[in-house]
């Protein structure tokens, strides 16, 4: 039964430069859920704006070439 005696070290096998600093209550300097959510929406918004700009530019070029 390996599940009952599983290793709880989540950093096992990681290169030391990518391990988070471990404080008294857990990892330090890890992005919060709020900042990750904000980054996710910012990425989606940027993608939609860039896509709209490319489509608008393509439509404008299409109307010039007609």
Protein backbone atom coordinates (compact mmCIF):
# COMPACT_ATOMS: atom_id res chain seq x y z
CA UNK A 1 0.00 0.00 0.00
CA UNK A 2 2.13 2.80 -1.30
CA UNK A 3 -0.65 5.38 -0.95
CA UNK A 4 -0.62 5.28 2.84
CA UNK A 5 3.12 5.89 3.04
CA UNK A 6 3.42 8.46 0.25
CA UNK A 7 6.25 10.97 0.31
CA UNK A 8 4.92 14.42 1.22
CA UNK A 9 8.04 16.24 0.01
CA UNK A 10 6.64 18.09 -3.03
CA UNK A 11 10.09 19.46 -3.92
CA UNK A 12 11.77 16.08 -4.29
CA UNK A 13 13.78 15.88 -7.48
CA UNK A 14 13.61 19.61 -8.23
CA UNK A 15 16.65 21.66 -9.11
CA UNK A 16 17.45 23.93 -6.12
CA UNK A 17 17.12 27.14 -8.19
CA UNK A 18 13.43 26.45 -8.91
CA UNK A 19 12.42 25.46 -5.37
CA UNK A 20 10.35 28.01 -3.47
CA UNK A 21 11.75 29.41 -0.23
CA UNK A 22 10.16 27.47 2.61
CA UNK A 23 9.07 29.59 5.55
CA UNK A 24 7.56 28.62 8.86
CA UNK A 25 4.05 28.20 7.41
CA UNK A 26 4.89 27.08 3.86
CA UNK A 27 6.33 28.42 0.61
CA UNK A 28 7.27 32.09 0.37
CA UNK A 29 7.21 34.40 -2.66
CA UNK A 30 4.67 32.23 -4.49
CA UNK A 31 2.09 34.17 -6.56
CA UNK A 32 -1.30 34.44 -4.90
CA UNK A 33 -4.48 33.10 -6.44
CA UNK A 34 -5.69 36.67 -6.95
CA UNK A 35 -2.60 37.65 -8.96
CA UNK A 36 -2.81 34.46 -11.04
CA UNK A 37 -6.47 35.17 -11.78
CA UNK A 38 -5.62 38.76 -12.75
CA UNK A 39 -2.82 37.56 -15.06
CA UNK A 40 -5.15 35.01 -16.67
CA UNK A 41 -7.76 37.67 -17.49
CA UNK A 42 -5.10 40.11 -18.68
CA UNK A 43 -3.74 37.47 -21.06
CA UNK A 44 -7.19 36.66 -22.44
CA UNK A 45 -8.01 40.36 -22.87
CA UNK A 46 -4.70 41.06 -24.62
CA UNK A 47 -5.27 38.11 -26.97
CA UNK A 48 -8.79 39.31 -27.87
CA UNK A 49 -7.60 42.91 -28.46
CA UNK A 50 -4.70 41.77 -30.66
CA UNK A 51 -6.97 39.41 -32.59
CA UNK A 52 -9.50 42.21 -33.16
CA UNK A 53 -6.71 44.54 -34.37
CA UNK A 54 -5.41 41.94 -36.82
CA UNK A 55 -8.91 41.28 -38.16
CA UNK A 56 -9.62 45.02 -38.48
CA UNK A 57 -6.32 45.58 -40.31
CA UNK A 58 -7.06 42.66 -42.63
CA UNK A 59 -10.52 44.03 -43.38
CA UNK A 60 -9.06 47.48 -44.04
CA UNK A 61 -6.49 46.02 -46.45
CA UNK A 62 -9.24 44.02 -48.13
CA UNK A 63 -11.32 47.16 -48.70
CA UNK A 64 -8.29 49.02 -50.10
CA UNK A 65 -7.51 46.24 -52.55
CA UNK A 66 -11.08 45.95 -53.85
